[in-house]
Amino acid sequence: MIADDEMVCFCSQVTAGDIRRAKSAGAVTMDDIRSMTGACTLGRCKELSPRGR
């Protein structure tokens, strides 16, 4: 399991814990997660990720 503090969206600085909290708060779809966390909204993760993906 990915640790809560692991960054999963580098462009919006969203962690795995942020996504888990959104799901606990009722997020079901990716659109729900995006609107609740801001994840995947800037489209620059590949550019900003130290892993290049």
PDB file of N, CA and C in Angstrom:
ATOM      1  N   MET A   1       0.837  -1.179   0.000  1.00  0.00           N
ATOM      2  CA  MET A   1       0.000   0.000   0.000  1.00  0.00           C
ATOM      3  C   MET A   1       0.885   1.247   0.000  1.00  0.00           C
ATOM      4  N   ILE A   2       0.463   2.229  -0.734  1.00  0.00           N
ATOM      5  CA  ILE A   2       1.192   3.502  -0.811  1.00  0.00           C
ATOM      6  C   ILE A   2       0.959   4.284   0.481  1.00  0.00           C
ATOM      7  N   ALA A   3       2.023   4.851   1.022  1.00  0.00           N
ATOM      8  CA  ALA A   3       1.931   5.642   2.249  1.00  0.00           C
ATOM      9  C   ALA A   3       1.111   6.902   2.014  1.00  0.00           C
ATOM     10  N   ASP A   4       0.402   7.353   3.048  1.00  0.00           N
ATOM     11  CA  ASP A   4      -0.438   8.543   2.940  1.00  0.00           C
ATOM     12  C   ASP A   4       0.319   9.780   2.487  1.00  0.00           C
ATOM     13  N   ASP A   5       1.608   9.873   2.830  1.00  0.00           N
ATOM     14  CA  ASP A   5       2.359  11.086   2.491  1.00  0.00           C
ATOM     15  C   ASP A   5       3.035  11.015   1.114  1.00  0.00           C
ATOM     16  N   GLU A   6       2.825   9.911   0.389  1.00  0.00           N
ATOM     17  CA  GLU A   6       3.442   9.801  -0.937  1.00  0.00           C
ATOM     18  C   GLU A   6       2.687  10.655  -1.947  1.00  0.00           C
ATOM     19  N   MET A   7       3.434  11.472  -2.673  1.00  0.00           N
ATOM     20  CA  MET A   7       2.869  12.359  -3.677  1.00  0.00           C
ATOM     21  C   MET A   7       2.410  11.548  -4.880  1.00  0.00           C
ATOM     22  N   VAL A   8       1.160  11.751  -5.284  1.00  0.00           N
ATOM     23  CA  VAL A   8       0.644  11.060  -6.460  1.00  0.00           C
ATOM     24  C   VAL A   8       0.303  12.032  -7.589  1.00  0.00           C
ATOM     25  N   CYS A   9       0.140  13.296  -7.264  1.00  0.00           N
ATOM     26  CA  CYS A   9      -0.107  14.324  -8.272  1.00  0.00           C
ATOM     27  C   CYS A   9       0.836  15.480  -7.982  1.00  0.00           C
ATOM     28  N   PHE A  10       1.908  15.542  -8.757  1.00  0.00           N
ATOM     29  CA  PHE A  10       2.954  16.531  -8.502  1.00  0.00           C
ATOM     30  C   PHE A  10       2.543  17.938  -8.893  1.00  0.00           C
ATOM     31  N   CYS A  11       1.695  18.072  -9.904  1.00  0.00           N
ATOM     32  CA  CYS A  11       1.337  19.427 -10.341  1.00  0.00           C
ATOM     33  C   CYS A  11       0.430  20.114  -9.322  1.00  0.00           C
ATOM     34  N   SER A  12      -0.379  19.355  -8.603  1.00  0.00           N
ATOM     35  CA  SER A  12      -1.287  19.943  -7.617  1.00  0.00           C
ATOM     36  C   SER A  12      -0.900  19.600  -6.184  1.00  0.00           C
ATOM     37  N   GLN A  13       0.237  18.897  -6.011  1.00  0.00           N
ATOM     38  CA  GLN A  13       0.727  18.534  -4.682  1.00  0.00           C
ATOM     39  C   GLN A  13      -0.310  17.730  -3.884  1.00  0.00           C
ATOM     40  N   VAL A  14      -0.886  16.710  -4.529  1.00  0.00           N
ATOM     41  CA  VAL A  14      -1.886  15.860  -3.897  1.00  0.00           C
ATOM     42  C   VAL A  14      -1.232  14.543  -3.502  1.00  0.00           C
ATOM     43  N   THR A  15      -1.463  14.127  -2.263  1.00  0.00           N
ATOM     44  CA  THR A  15      -0.886  12.890  -1.753  1.00  0.00           C
ATOM     45  C   THR A  15      -1.904  11.758  -1.802  1.00  0.00           C
ATOM     46  N   ALA A  16      -1.409  10.543  -1.589  1.00  0.00           N
ATOM     47  CA  ALA A  16      -2.296   9.381  -1.514  1.00  0.00           C
ATOM     48  C   ALA A  16      -3.291   9.558  -0.377  1.00  0.00           C
ATOM     49  N   GLY A  17      -2.850  10.137   0.716  1.00  0.00           N
ATOM     50  CA  GLY A  17      -3.741  10.396   1.857  1.00  0.00           C
ATOM     51  C   GLY A  17      -4.857  11.362   1.495  1.00  0.00           C
ATOM     52  N   ASP A  18      -4.546  12.373   0.683  1.00  0.00           N
ATOM     53  CA  ASP A  18      -5.577  13.314   0.241  1.00  0.00           C
ATOM     54  C   ASP A  18      -6.666  12.579  -0.540  1.00  0.00           C
ATOM     55  N   ILE A  19      -6.245  11.664  -1.388  1.00  0.00           N
ATOM     56  CA  ILE A  19      -7.209  10.902  -2.187  1.00  0.00           C
ATOM     57  C   ILE A  19      -8.012   9.962  -1.299  1.00  0.00           C
ATOM     58  N   ARG A  20      -7.363   9.325  -0.346  1.00  0.00           N
ATOM     59  CA  ARG A  20      -8.090   8.450   0.580  1.00  0.00           C
ATOM     60  C   ARG A  20      -9.119   9.238   1.385  1.00  0.00           C
ATOM     61  N   ARG A  21      -8.750  10.436   1.833  1.00  0.00           N
ATOM     62  CA  ARG A  21      -9.685  11.266   2.592  1.00  0.00           C
ATOM     63  C   ARG A  21     -10.871  11.686   1.716  1.00  0.00           C
ATOM     64  N   ALA A  22     -10.608  11.989   0.454  1.00  0.00           N
ATOM     65  CA  ALA A  22     -11.692  12.353  -0.467  1.00  0.00           C
ATOM     66  C   ALA A  22     -12.647  11.166  -0.639  1.00  0.00           C
ATOM     67  N   LYS A  23     -12.087   9.972  -0.765  1.00  0.00           N
ATOM     68  CA  LYS A  23     -12.930   8.783  -0.901  1.00  0.00           C
ATOM     69  C   LYS A  23     -13.744   8.553   0.365  1.00  0.00           C
ATOM     70  N   SER A  24     -13.138   8.777   1.518  1.00  0.00           N
ATOM     71  CA  SER A  24     -13.865   8.628   2.776  1.00  0.00           C
ATOM     72  C   SER A  24     -14.976   9.663   2.910  1.00  0.00           C
ATOM     73  N   ALA A  25     -14.782  10.805   2.262  1.00  0.00           N
ATOM     74  CA  ALA A  25     -15.774  11.882   2.307  1.00  0.00           C
ATOM     75  C   ALA A  25     -16.840  11.726   1.227  1.00  0.00           C
ATOM     76  N   GLY A  26     -16.773  10.641   0.445  1.00  0.00           N
ATOM     77  CA  GLY A  26     -17.825  10.358  -0.516  1.00  0.00           C
ATOM     78  C   GLY A  26     -17.435  10.360  -1.979  1.00  0.00           C
ATOM     79  N   ALA A  27     -16.183  10.660  -2.301  1.00  0.00           N
ATOM     80  CA  ALA A  27     -15.760  10.640  -3.707  1.00  0.00           C
ATOM     81  C   ALA A  27     -15.863   9.216  -4.242  1.00  0.00           C
ATOM     82  N   VAL A  28     -16.457   9.097  -5.433  1.00  0.00           N
ATOM     83  CA  VAL A  28     -16.625   7.789  -6.047  1.00  0.00           C
ATOM     84  C   VAL A  28     -15.896   7.743  -7.389  1.00  0.00           C
ATOM     85  N   THR A  29     -16.021   8.792  -8.163  1.00  0.00           N
ATOM     86  CA  THR A  29     -15.437   8.823  -9.501  1.00  0.00           C
ATOM     87  C   THR A  29     -14.169   9.669  -9.513  1.00  0.00           C
ATOM     88  N   MET A  30     -13.420   9.562 -10.608  1.00  0.00           N
ATOM     89  CA  MET A  30     -12.234  10.418 -10.764  1.00  0.00           C
ATOM     90  C   MET A  30     -12.635  11.890 -10.770  1.00  0.00           C
ATOM     91  N   ASP A  31     -13.771  12.212 -11.362  1.00  0.00           N
ATOM     92  CA  ASP A  31     -14.229  13.606 -11.345  1.00  0.00           C
ATOM     93  C   ASP A  31     -14.473  14.083  -9.917  1.00  0.00           C
ATOM     94  N   ASP A  32     -15.034  13.220  -9.074  1.00  0.00           N
ATOM     95  CA  ASP A  32     -15.226  13.560  -7.657  1.00  0.00           C
ATOM     96  C   ASP A  32     -13.884  13.844  -7.004  1.00  0.00           C
ATOM     97  N   ILE A  33     -12.918  12.953  -7.231  1.00  0.00           N
ATOM     98  CA  ILE A  33     -11.589  13.111  -6.631  1.00  0.00           C
ATOM     99  C   ILE A  33     -10.925  14.385  -7.132  1.00  0.00           C
ATOM    100  N   ARG A  34     -11.039  14.656  -8.425  1.00  0.00           N
ATOM    101  CA  ARG A  34     -10.458  15.884  -8.983  1.00  0.00           C
ATOM    102  C   ARG A  34     -11.059  17.125  -8.331  1.00  0.00           C
ATOM    103  N   SER A  35     -12.375  17.145  -8.214  1.00  0.00           N
ATOM    104  CA  SER A  35     -13.011  18.342  -7.665  1.00  0.00           C
ATOM    105  C   SER A  35     -12.730  18.509  -6.173  1.00  0.00           C
ATOM    106  N   MET A  36     -12.565  17.411  -5.440  1.00  0.00           N
ATOM    107  CA  MET A  36     -12.325  17.490  -4.003  1.00  0.00           C
ATOM    108  C   MET A  36     -10.859  17.736  -3.646  1.00  0.00           C
ATOM    109  N   THR A  37      -9.932  17.305  -4.513  1.00  0.00           N
ATOM    110  CA  THR A  37      -8.507  17.411  -4.179  1.00  0.00           C
ATOM    111  C   THR A  37      -7.714  18.330  -5.101  1.00  0.00           C
ATOM    112  N   GLY A  38      -8.206  18.547  -6.297  1.00  0.00           N
ATOM    113  CA  GLY A  38      -7.450  19.315  -7.289  1.00  0.00           C
ATOM    114  C   GLY A  38      -6.483  18.456  -8.081  1.00  0.00           C
ATOM    115  N   ALA A  39      -6.468  17.151  -7.821  1.00  0.00           N
ATOM    116  CA  ALA A  39      -5.563  16.235  -8.528  1.00  0.00           C
ATOM    117  C   ALA A  39      -5.868  16.218 -10.016  1.00  0.00           C
ATOM    118  N   CYS A  40      -4.815  16.085 -10.803  1.00  0.00           N
ATOM    119  CA  CYS A  40      -4.938  15.923 -12.262  1.00  0.00           C
ATOM    120  C   CYS A  40      -5.680  17.079 -12.928  1.00  0.00           C
ATOM    121  N   THR A  41      -5.484  18.272 -12.424  1.00  0.00           N
ATOM    122  CA  THR A  41      -6.182  19.417 -13.010  1.00  0.00           C
ATOM    123  C   THR A  41      -5.258  20.339 -13.795  1.00  0.00           C
ATOM    124  N   LEU A  42      -3.963  20.271 -13.538  1.00  0.00           N
ATOM    125  CA  LEU A  42      -3.032  21.160 -14.231  1.00  0.00           C
ATOM    126  C   LEU A  42      -2.312  20.486 -15.389  1.00  0.00           C
ATOM    127  N   GLY A  43      -2.262  19.163 -15.372  1.00  0.00           N
ATOM    128  CA  GLY A  43      -1.659  18.417 -16.474  1.00  0.00           C
ATOM    129  C   GLY A  43      -0.147  18.555 -16.599  1.00  0.00           C
ATOM    130  N   ARG A  44       0.537  18.814 -15.481  1.00  0.00           N
ATOM    131  CA  ARG A  44       1.993  18.984 -15.534  1.00  0.00           C
ATOM    132  C   ARG A  44       2.728  17.961 -14.670  1.00  0.00           C
ATOM    133  N   CYS A  45       2.067  16.885 -14.271  1.00  0.00           N
ATOM    134  CA  CYS A  45       2.698  15.906 -13.383  1.00  0.00           C
ATOM    135  C   CYS A  45       3.949  15.285 -13.994  1.00  0.00           C
ATOM    136  N   LYS A  46       3.883  14.900 -15.261  1.00  0.00           N
ATOM    137  CA  LYS A  46       5.055  14.272 -15.878  1.00  0.00           C
ATOM    138  C   LYS A  46       6.235  15.228 -15.860  1.00  0.00           C
ATOM    139  N   GLU A  47       5.988  16.481 -16.131  1.00  0.00           N
ATOM    140  CA  GLU A  47       7.037  17.497 -16.138  1.00  0.00           C
ATOM    141  C   GLU A  47       7.601  17.754 -14.739  1.00  0.00           C
ATOM    142  N   LEU A  48       6.730  17.755 -13.720  1.00  0.00           N
ATOM    143  CA  LEU A  48       7.145  18.088 -12.357  1.00  0.00           C
ATOM    144  C   LEU A  48       7.576  16.900 -11.509  1.00  0.00           C
ATOM    145  N   SER A  49       7.235  15.699 -11.932  1.00  0.00           N
ATOM    146  CA  SER A  49       7.565  14.502 -11.176  1.00  0.00           C
ATOM    147  C   SER A  49       9.054  14.188 -11.268  1.00  0.00           C
ATOM    148  N   PRO A  50       9.682  13.882 -10.140  1.00  0.00           N
ATOM    149  CA  PRO A  50      11.088  13.477 -10.200  1.00  0.00           C
ATOM    150  C   PRO A  50      11.268  12.139 -10.912  1.00  0.00           C
ATOM    151  N   ARG A  51      10.194  11.366 -11.020  1.00  0.00           N
ATOM    152  CA  ARG A  51      10.234  10.077 -11.710  1.00  0.00           C
ATOM    153  C   ARG A  51       9.993  10.230 -13.206  1.00  0.00           C
ATOM    154  N   GLY A  52       9.561  11.421 -13.645  1.00  0.00           N
ATOM    155  CA  GLY A  52       9.331  11.665 -15.059  1.00  0.00           C
ATOM    156  C   GLY A  52       8.134  10.926 -15.625  1.00  0.00           C
ATOM    157  N   ARG A  53       7.174  10.630 -14.758  1.00  0.00           N
ATOM    158  CA  ARG A  53       5.944   9.970 -15.218  1.00  0.00           C
ATOM    159  C   ARG A  53       4.763  10.438 -14.421  1.00  0.00           C
TER     160      ARG A  53
END
